[in-house]
């Protein structure tokens, strides 16, 4: 049969219940109702089941406490390092130490879930289980009992395996309790199993310890034994010290442990003293924290044959031939035009031969050469001043200008010539712009 979980559904008396809801109600039962129900069906539960639940519920809180106290020289931190080997009473006491409502509730719910699995395994009848459900529905809130008292009230509902006490065999009980408990806790544990550990030994008990030690070394005569028993406690302790016998009226921790094992009903029938005291000196084996094993991923290089699939690539081909031809034509046209302009500007003016005609002077000019007087040094200036006094007609001025132009190598230009030159340059600039535009767009990949 599959184990029940909190999400499982169970049918009891033809009614379906979800375990999560069911254990929530059962956790409200007082300890008396808990133990009475188990007695009524004649069922006792292995103590190891309860110990496993306590360890599972407390583990997270204990790990956190150990981590917080890791850097402190703290006795509590050392005692908690034995947590995985704790006895039942140590775990019950630890649950009370944390004093957490959520931990207590979680513990009771987890315990009832395990109990239900155990009852199903033991085939507890459907009628009894239905009676338990009806009983749980009567309690709407958790019990206000102290959690340690609650657990102690259930001690008869959980049993130890043969020759075990508090969930541990004697050779486990000795080192664990010696290393991780206090004298007060040990005495309280003894009371749980109806063993009242004395705080001090009586005179007769101290004498028994001394005589037993002497008998192990060799037989003790009756006279010697009677002499020891007559000693006072002070003299008896001095005698034990002188003979290297560990005996004192003040009980040591290991003596308290032995006292419990020797007198508890679970272990006294098979009780024996340990062969030596080294059993108390055992140290806890360091626990290696389990870390998730990350498997190394082995990457094998698989050489796959590369298959090249030739896919048809749609090539975008533009026919630029007409454009190139047009550019060549425009470029040639522009070059020809520039040549014409340059030739026009450099062409020598054509000088038409004008038949010489004698100027017709309307009025004769008489120059009195006798009045012109100059010397060699000032002849040019005086001649210029003299000619300035001669009246000049408009026709003479125009003729002089034309003669001067011919002499300078320039022919006079008309207004028509000026207009032709201007229009030619405009056309040249426009053609140049068209050529540049076509070239730019060609270089960019096409005509826009």
Protein backbone atom coordinates (compact mmCIF):
# COMPACT_ATOMS: atom_id res chain seq x y z
CA UNK A 1 0.00 0.00 0.00
CA UNK A 2 1.26 3.44 -0.86
CA UNK A 3 2.20 5.73 2.00
CA UNK A 4 -0.15 8.57 2.80
CA UNK A 5 1.01 12.13 2.33
CA UNK A 6 -0.61 15.44 3.23
CA UNK A 7 -2.10 15.63 -0.28
CA UNK A 8 -3.51 12.10 -0.15
CA UNK A 9 -7.24 11.42 0.09
CA UNK A 10 -8.57 8.65 2.33
CA UNK A 11 -12.05 7.14 2.52
CA UNK A 12 -13.33 6.46 6.04
CA UNK A 13 -16.87 5.15 6.58
CA UNK A 14 -17.74 6.05 2.97
CA UNK A 15 -16.57 9.62 3.45
CA UNK A 16 -13.54 11.07 1.71
CA UNK A 17 -11.00 13.11 3.66
CA UNK A 18 -7.85 14.92 2.61
CA UNK A 19 -5.04 14.02 5.01
CA UNK A 20 -3.91 17.63 5.31
CA UNK A 21 -7.31 18.63 6.71
CA UNK A 22 -7.55 15.52 8.84
CA UNK A 23 -4.20 15.86 10.64
CA UNK A 24 -4.93 19.57 11.18
CA UNK A 25 -7.94 18.53 13.29
CA UNK A 26 -6.16 15.63 15.01
CA UNK A 27 -3.36 17.96 16.17
CA UNK A 28 -5.94 19.68 18.41
CA UNK A 29 -6.52 16.52 20.47
CA UNK A 30 -5.31 16.69 24.10
CA UNK A 31 -2.70 14.15 25.16
CA UNK A 32 -5.26 12.28 27.24
CA UNK A 33 -7.54 11.69 24.24
CA UNK A 34 -4.51 10.72 22.18
CA UNK A 35 -3.27 8.06 24.59
CA UNK A 36 -6.78 6.80 25.47
CA UNK A 37 -7.61 6.19 21.82
CA UNK A 38 -4.44 4.13 21.27
CA UNK A 39 -5.16 2.15 24.46
CA UNK A 40 -8.75 1.54 23.36
CA UNK A 41 -7.61 -0.11 20.13
CA UNK A 42 -4.74 -1.93 21.90
CA UNK A 43 -2.03 -0.28 19.84
CA UNK A 44 1.43 0.84 20.90
CA UNK A 45 3.82 2.51 18.50
CA UNK A 46 7.60 2.05 18.10
CA UNK A 47 9.51 4.85 19.75
CA UNK A 48 11.75 5.16 16.70
CA UNK A 49 8.76 6.46 14.72
CA UNK A 50 8.34 9.35 17.12
CA UNK A 51 12.10 10.03 17.24
CA UNK A 52 12.24 10.21 13.44
CA UNK A 53 9.40 12.77 13.37
CA UNK A 54 11.07 14.91 16.06
CA UNK A 55 14.40 14.93 14.21
CA UNK A 56 12.78 15.84 10.91
CA UNK A 57 10.79 18.72 12.41
CA UNK A 58 13.69 20.10 14.48
CA UNK A 59 16.49 19.73 11.95
CA UNK A 60 16.16 23.14 10.28
CA UNK A 61 15.99 25.01 13.60
CA UNK A 62 18.98 23.06 14.98
CA UNK A 63 21.10 23.67 11.87
CA UNK A 64 20.38 27.39 12.13
CA UNK A 65 21.36 27.45 15.83
CA UNK A 66 24.60 25.57 15.14
CA UNK A 67 25.48 28.00 12.36
CA UNK A 68 24.78 31.02 14.57
CA UNK A 69 26.98 29.65 17.36
CA UNK A 70 29.73 28.24 15.14
CA UNK A 71 32.20 31.02 16.05
CA UNK A 72 31.38 30.94 19.77
CA UNK A 73 32.97 28.71 22.38
CA UNK A 74 29.48 27.62 23.31
CA UNK A 75 28.47 24.49 25.21
CA UNK A 76 25.02 24.48 23.62
CA UNK A 77 26.52 24.46 20.14
CA UNK A 78 28.68 21.44 21.04
CA UNK A 79 25.76 19.54 22.56
CA UNK A 80 23.65 20.21 19.47
CA UNK A 81 26.37 18.69 17.29
CA UNK A 82 25.18 15.32 18.67
CA UNK A 83 21.62 16.06 17.54
CA UNK A 84 21.50 13.24 14.98
CA UNK A 85 22.07 10.70 17.79
CA UNK A 86 19.80 12.27 20.42
CA UNK A 87 17.53 10.10 22.55
CA UNK A 88 13.77 10.63 22.68
CA UNK A 89 13.80 12.70 25.86
CA UNK A 90 16.59 14.93 24.57
CA UNK A 91 14.52 15.66 21.46
CA UNK A 92 11.37 16.31 23.50
CA UNK A 93 13.31 18.68 25.73
CA UNK A 94 14.80 20.43 22.68
CA UNK A 95 11.31 21.02 21.24
CA UNK A 96 10.34 22.72 24.49
CA UNK A 97 13.58 24.76 24.40
CA UNK A 98 12.64 26.34 21.06
CA UNK A 99 9.18 27.20 22.40
CA UNK A 100 7.75 27.70 18.92
CA UNK A 101 4.03 27.43 18.20
CA UNK A 102 4.70 26.63 14.55
CA UNK A 103 7.23 23.91 15.44
CA UNK A 104 4.84 22.35 17.96
CA UNK A 105 1.97 22.37 15.47
CA UNK A 106 4.18 21.00 12.70
CA UNK A 107 5.39 18.22 15.01
CA UNK A 108 1.88 17.10 16.02
CA UNK A 109 0.60 17.14 12.44
CA UNK A 110 3.63 15.16 11.21
CA UNK A 111 3.24 12.71 14.10
CA UNK A 112 -0.44 12.06 13.29
CA UNK A 113 0.38 11.56 9.61
CA UNK A 114 2.93 8.87 10.55
CA UNK A 115 0.47 7.34 13.02
CA UNK A 116 -2.18 7.07 10.31
CA UNK A 117 0.31 5.26 8.07
CA UNK A 118 1.16 2.94 10.97
CA UNK A 119 -2.53 2.29 11.74
CA UNK A 120 -3.21 1.51 8.08
CA UNK A 121 -0.25 -0.89 8.15
CA UNK A 122 -1.67 -2.56 11.27
CA UNK A 123 -5.10 -2.68 9.62
CA UNK A 124 -6.98 -0.68 12.23
CA UNK A 125 -10.68 -0.98 11.40
CA UNK A 126 -12.63 1.63 9.50
CA UNK A 127 -15.00 1.94 12.47
CA UNK A 128 -12.19 2.89 14.86
CA UNK A 129 -10.73 5.39 12.41
CA UNK A 130 -14.15 6.98 11.97
CA UNK A 131 -14.48 7.24 15.74
CA UNK A 132 -11.10 9.02 15.84
CA UNK A 133 -12.26 11.49 13.17
CA UNK A 134 -15.46 12.27 15.08
CA UNK A 135 -13.40 12.73 18.25
CA UNK A 136 -11.08 15.21 16.51
CA UNK A 137 -14.03 17.27 15.24
CA UNK A 138 -15.02 18.00 18.83
CA UNK A 139 -11.84 20.08 19.37
CA UNK A 140 -11.74 23.32 17.42
CA UNK A 141 -8.47 24.72 18.82
CA UNK A 142 -5.09 23.31 19.89
CA UNK A 143 -4.55 22.05 23.41
CA UNK A 144 -2.90 24.52 25.79
CA UNK A 145 -0.69 21.81 27.32
CA UNK A 146 3.05 22.34 27.65
CA UNK A 147 4.61 20.43 24.79
CA UNK A 148 7.05 18.55 27.04
CA UNK A 149 4.25 17.49 29.40
CA UNK A 150 2.21 16.49 26.35
CA UNK A 151 4.99 14.15 25.17
CA UNK A 152 5.65 12.71 28.62
CA UNK A 153 1.95 11.88 28.91
CA UNK A 154 2.32 9.70 25.81
CA UNK A 155 5.28 7.66 27.09
CA UNK A 156 3.21 4.49 27.52
CA UNK A 157 1.89 4.77 23.95
CA UNK A 158 5.39 4.31 22.48
CA UNK A 159 7.65 1.38 23.23
CA UNK A 160 11.40 0.70 23.18
CA UNK A 161 12.94 -2.24 21.41
CA UNK A 162 14.31 -4.95 23.76
CA UNK A 163 17.29 -3.78 25.84
CA UNK A 164 16.90 -0.18 24.66
CA UNK A 165 16.09 2.87 26.72
CA UNK A 166 14.80 6.16 25.36
CA UNK A 167 15.28 4.83 21.85
CA UNK A 168 18.99 3.92 22.29
CA UNK A 169 20.94 0.79 23.14
CA UNK A 170 23.11 1.09 26.33
CA UNK A 171 26.39 1.46 24.39
CA UNK A 172 24.80 4.31 22.40
CA UNK A 173 23.09 5.80 25.44
CA UNK A 174 26.34 6.13 27.41
CA UNK A 175 28.46 8.34 25.08
CA UNK A 176 25.54 10.38 23.70
CA UNK A 177 24.14 11.32 27.11
CA UNK A 178 27.61 11.83 28.58
CA UNK A 179 28.67 14.26 25.82
CA UNK A 180 25.42 16.09 25.11
CA UNK A 181 23.34 16.29 28.29
CA UNK A 182 23.56 17.91 31.70
CA UNK A 183 23.23 16.32 35.13
CA UNK A 184 19.83 17.96 35.56
CA UNK A 185 18.61 16.54 32.24
CA UNK A 186 19.93 13.10 33.15
CA UNK A 187 18.05 13.08 36.46
CA UNK A 188 14.85 14.17 34.67
CA UNK A 189 15.35 11.40 32.12
CA UNK A 190 15.69 8.94 35.00
CA UNK A 191 12.35 10.12 36.43
CA UNK A 192 10.71 9.48 33.02
CA UNK A 193 11.59 5.79 33.52
CA UNK A 194 10.75 5.79 37.24
CA UNK A 195 14.38 5.96 38.34
CA UNK A 196 14.99 8.53 41.06
CA UNK A 197 18.70 9.28 40.80
CA UNK A 198 20.08 10.44 44.17
CA UNK A 199 22.13 13.58 44.30
CA UNK A 200 24.53 11.91 46.71
CA UNK A 201 25.43 8.34 47.48
CA UNK A 202 24.70 6.87 50.84
CA UNK A 203 27.47 5.38 52.96
CA UNK A 204 26.42 1.81 52.10
CA UNK A 205 26.34 2.62 48.35
CA UNK A 206 29.80 4.18 48.51
CA UNK A 207 31.11 1.10 50.37
CA UNK A 208 29.58 -1.18 47.69
CA UNK A 209 31.43 0.72 44.94
CA UNK A 210 34.78 0.48 46.76
CA UNK A 211 34.38 -3.22 47.59
CA UNK A 212 33.29 -4.02 44.02
CA UNK A 213 36.39 -2.33 42.64
CA UNK A 214 38.65 -4.21 45.07
CA UNK A 215 37.03 -7.53 44.10
CA UNK A 216 37.87 -6.87 40.46
CA UNK A 217 41.52 -6.51 41.43
CA UNK A 218 41.43 -9.60 43.67
CA UNK A 219 39.34 -11.25 46.33
CA UNK A 220 38.59 -9.23 49.47
CA UNK A 221 38.37 -11.01 52.80
CA UNK A 222 35.30 -10.72 54.95
CA UNK A 223 37.32 -8.97 57.64
CA UNK A 224 38.58 -6.40 55.15
CA UNK A 225 35.05 -5.82 53.81
CA UNK A 226 33.65 -5.38 57.34
CA UNK A 227 36.44 -2.92 58.13
CA UNK A 228 35.56 -0.79 55.08
CA UNK A 229 31.86 -0.73 55.89
CA UNK A 230 32.60 0.54 59.40
CA UNK A 231 34.53 3.55 58.08
CA UNK A 232 32.97 7.00 58.09
CA UNK A 233 32.22 8.65 54.75
CA UNK A 234 35.25 10.96 55.03
CA UNK A 235 37.61 8.07 55.90
CA UNK A 236 36.02 5.90 53.20
CA UNK A 237 36.65 8.60 50.54
CA UNK A 238 40.28 8.94 51.76
CA UNK A 239 40.68 5.14 51.54
CA UNK A 240 39.30 5.16 47.95
CA UNK A 241 41.69 7.93 46.93
CA UNK A 242 44.72 6.20 48.47
CA UNK A 243 43.87 3.01 46.59
CA UNK A 244 43.22 4.79 43.27
CA UNK A 245 39.51 3.98 43.34
CA UNK A 246 37.13 6.46 41.73
CA UNK A 247 34.41 6.75 44.32
CA UNK A 248 32.67 9.77 45.78
CA UNK A 249 29.39 10.56 47.42
CA UNK A 250 28.89 13.20 44.70
CA UNK A 251 27.64 11.38 41.64
CA UNK A 252 29.47 12.16 38.42
CA UNK A 253 27.74 12.19 35.07
CA UNK A 254 28.88 8.70 34.09
CA UNK A 255 27.77 7.39 37.49
CA UNK A 256 24.31 8.89 36.97
CA UNK A 257 24.11 7.20 33.57
CA UNK A 258 25.11 3.84 35.03
CA UNK A 259 22.62 4.28 37.85
CA UNK A 260 19.79 4.79 35.33
CA UNK A 261 20.83 1.80 33.21
CA UNK A 262 21.13 -0.38 36.29
CA UNK A 263 17.69 0.52 37.65
CA UNK A 264 15.42 1.21 34.65
CA UNK A 265 13.04 -1.64 33.84
CA UNK A 266 14.01 -1.52 30.16
CA UNK A 267 17.71 -2.34 30.77
CA UNK A 268 18.27 -3.66 34.29
CA UNK A 269 17.75 -7.32 33.36
CA UNK A 270 20.67 -7.23 30.93
CA UNK A 271 22.69 -4.53 32.64
CA UNK A 272 26.45 -4.86 32.93
CA UNK A 273 29.20 -2.41 33.73
CA UNK A 274 31.30 -1.35 30.74
CA UNK A 275 34.68 -3.04 30.55
CA UNK A 276 36.47 0.33 30.63
CA UNK A 277 35.66 4.01 30.74
CA UNK A 278 36.78 4.71 27.16
CA UNK A 279 33.22 4.18 25.99
CA UNK A 280 32.41 7.58 27.49
CA UNK A 281 35.27 9.21 25.62
CA UNK A 282 33.87 8.54 22.17
CA UNK A 283 33.79 11.54 19.90
CA UNK A 284 31.20 12.23 17.30
CA UNK A 285 32.34 11.37 13.82
CA UNK A 286 32.36 14.53 11.71
CA UNK A 287 29.39 14.56 9.42
CA UNK A 288 30.14 15.52 5.88
CA UNK A 289 27.49 17.87 4.64
CA UNK A 290 25.89 16.29 1.68
CA UNK A 291 26.14 18.52 -1.30
CA UNK A 292 24.39 17.89 -4.55
CA UNK A 293 26.70 16.00 -6.83
CA UNK A 294 27.09 17.85 -10.04
CA UNK A 295 28.02 15.41 -12.72
CA UNK A 296 30.62 16.69 -15.08
CA UNK A 297 29.13 17.02 -18.46
CA UNK A 298 31.37 15.36 -20.99
CA UNK A 299 31.01 17.13 -24.25
CA UNK A 300 31.95 14.91 -27.13
CA UNK A 301 32.86 16.66 -30.27
CA UNK A 302 30.77 15.12 -32.98
CA UNK A 303 31.97 16.05 -36.38
CA UNK A 304 28.92 16.28 -38.51
CA UNK A 305 29.18 16.36 -42.23
CA UNK A 306 28.34 19.82 -43.35
CA UNK A 307 25.82 19.66 -46.13
CA UNK A 308 25.81 22.79 -48.16
CA UNK A 309 22.45 23.34 -49.72
CA UNK A 310 22.64 25.75 -52.54
CA UNK A 311 19.55 27.84 -52.46
CA UNK A 312 18.73 29.95 -55.45
CA UNK A 313 19.56 33.51 -54.61
CA UNK A 314 17.43 36.01 -56.35
CA UNK A 315 19.88 38.44 -57.76
CA UNK A 316 18.70 41.93 -58.30
CA UNK A 317 20.24 43.04 -61.53
CA UNK A 318 19.61 46.51 -62.86
CA UNK A 319 20.37 47.33 -66.47
CA UNK A 320 22.47 50.46 -66.16
CA UNK A 321 23.61 50.41 -69.79
CA UNK A 322 21.13 53.08 -70.96
CA UNK A 323 22.04 55.30 -68.03
CA UNK A 324 25.74 54.94 -68.69
CA UNK A 325 25.24 55.76 -72.35
CA UNK A 326 23.24 58.83 -71.43
CA UNK A 327 25.94 59.95 -68.98
CA UNK A 328 28.61 59.49 -71.64
CA UNK A 329 26.54 61.50 -74.12
CA UNK A 330 25.96 64.33 -71.64
CA UNK A 331 29.60 64.32 -70.62
CA UNK A 332 30.66 64.60 -74.29
CA UNK A 333 28.09 67.32 -74.90
CA UNK A 334 29.37 69.27 -71.92
CA UNK A 335 32.99 68.88 -73.07
CA UNK A 336 32.12 70.08 -76.55
CA UNK A 337 30.29 73.07 -75.17
CA UNK A 338 33.23 73.98 -72.94
CA UNK A 339 35.52 73.76 -75.96
CA UNK A 340 33.31 76.08 -77.94
CA UNK A 341 33.22 78.61 -75.10
CA UNK A 342 36.99 78.49 -74.70
CA UNK A 343 37.53 78.84 -78.45
CA UNK A 344 35.17 81.76 -78.61
CA UNK A 345 37.02 83.57 -75.84
CA UNK A 346 40.45 82.87 -77.34
CA UNK A 347 39.55 83.63 -81.00
CA UNK A 348 41.36 86.71 -82.36
CA UNK A 349 39.07 89.51 -83.38
CA UNK A 350 38.52 89.85 -87.09
CA UNK A 351 39.51 93.34 -88.15
CA UNK A 352 37.72 94.45 -91.23
CA UNK A 353 39.81 96.52 -93.62
CA UNK A 354 38.34 99.93 -93.85
CA UNK A 355 39.38 101.94 -96.83
CA UNK A 356 41.26 104.92 -95.80
CA UNK A 357 39.36 108.06 -96.11
CA UNK A 358 40.62 111.41 -95.50
CA UNK A 359 38.83 113.09 -92.71
CA UNK A 360 36.62 115.81 -93.91
CA UNK A 361 37.14 118.79 -91.77
CA UNK A 362 34.34 121.17 -91.75
CA UNK A 363 36.52 123.88 -90.59
CA UNK A 364 40.22 124.10 -91.06
CA UNK A 365 42.36 124.32 -87.99
CA UNK A 366 45.18 126.69 -88.12
CA UNK A 367 48.07 126.00 -85.90
CA UNK A 368 50.45 128.73 -85.20
CA UNK A 369 53.62 126.74 -85.03
CA UNK A 370 55.57 129.83 -84.38
CA UNK A 371 53.93 130.14 -81.00
CA UNK A 372 54.95 126.58 -79.93
CA UNK A 373 58.13 126.74 -78.09
CA UNK A 374 59.70 123.95 -76.04
CA UNK A 375 62.96 122.34 -75.23
CA UNK A 376 64.08 118.75 -75.42
CA UNK A 377 63.42 118.02 -71.77
CA UNK A 378 59.81 119.24 -71.71
CA UNK A 379 58.79 118.50 -75.30
CA UNK A 380 56.31 115.65 -74.54
CA UNK A 381 54.48 117.55 -71.87
CA UNK A 382 54.33 120.73 -73.86
CA UNK A 383 53.03 118.86 -76.89
CA UNK A 384 50.31 117.23 -74.85
CA UNK A 385 49.24 120.56 -73.46
CA UNK A 386 49.26 122.00 -76.92
CA UNK A 387 47.04 119.26 -78.42
CA UNK A 388 44.57 119.73 -75.61
CA UNK A 389 43.87 123.19 -76.95
CA UNK A 390 42.84 121.80 -80.35
CA UNK A 391 39.06 121.23 -80.65
CA UNK A 392 38.10 117.54 -81.36
CA UNK A 393 34.85 116.45 -83.04
CA UNK A 394 32.75 113.39 -82.03
CA UNK A 395 33.63 111.54 -85.19
CA UNK A 396 37.29 112.03 -84.50
CA UNK A 397 36.87 110.66 -80.96
CA UNK A 398 35.08 107.50 -82.22
CA UNK A 399 37.71 106.96 -84.87
CA UNK A 400 40.45 107.35 -82.30
CA UNK A 401 38.76 104.83 -79.99
CA UNK A 402 38.45 102.29 -82.78
CA UNK A 403 42.05 102.72 -83.73
CA UNK A 404 43.08 102.25 -80.10
CA UNK A 405 41.02 99.06 -79.82
CA UNK A 406 42.57 97.64 -82.96
CA UNK A 407 45.97 98.52 -81.65
CA UNK A 408 45.22 96.66 -78.32
CA UNK A 409 44.10 93.48 -80.23
CA UNK A 410 40.46 93.56 -79.04
CA UNK A 411 37.42 93.92 -81.22
CA UNK A 412 34.39 95.65 -79.83
CA UNK A 413 31.63 93.20 -78.67
CA UNK A 414 27.98 93.77 -79.25
CA UNK A 415 25.14 93.10 -76.73
CA UNK A 416 24.16 89.97 -78.69
CA UNK A 417 27.60 88.52 -78.10
CA UNK A 418 27.31 89.10 -74.35
CA UNK A 419 23.91 87.34 -74.18
CA UNK A 420 25.23 84.32 -76.09
CA UNK A 421 28.11 83.87 -73.63
CA UNK A 422 25.79 84.10 -70.60
CA UNK A 423 23.32 81.53 -71.99
CA UNK A 424 26.16 79.15 -72.84
CA UNK A 425 27.44 79.18 -69.25
CA UNK A 426 23.95 78.56 -67.84
CA UNK A 427 23.53 75.54 -70.12
CA UNK A 428 26.97 74.26 -69.10
CA UNK A 429 26.13 74.52 -65.39
CA UNK A 430 22.79 72.70 -65.87
CA UNK A 431 24.45 69.87 -67.79
CA UNK A 432 27.15 69.58 -65.13
CA UNK A 433 24.45 69.27 -62.41
CA UNK A 434 22.66 66.53 -64.34
CA UNK A 435 25.91 64.59 -64.76
CA UNK A 436 26.73 64.86 -61.02
CA UNK A 437 23.20 63.75 -60.04
CA UNK A 438 23.35 60.70 -62.31
CA UNK A 439 26.79 59.72 -61.05
CA UNK A 440 25.79 59.98 -57.36
CA UNK A 441 22.69 57.83 -57.80
CA UNK A 442 24.60 55.32 -59.84
CA UNK A 443 27.16 54.92 -57.08
CA UNK A 444 24.38 54.48 -54.48
CA UNK A 445 22.97 51.54 -56.40
CA UNK A 446 20.40 52.89 -58.72
CA UNK A 447 18.48 55.85 -59.87
CA UNK A 448 15.91 57.06 -57.34
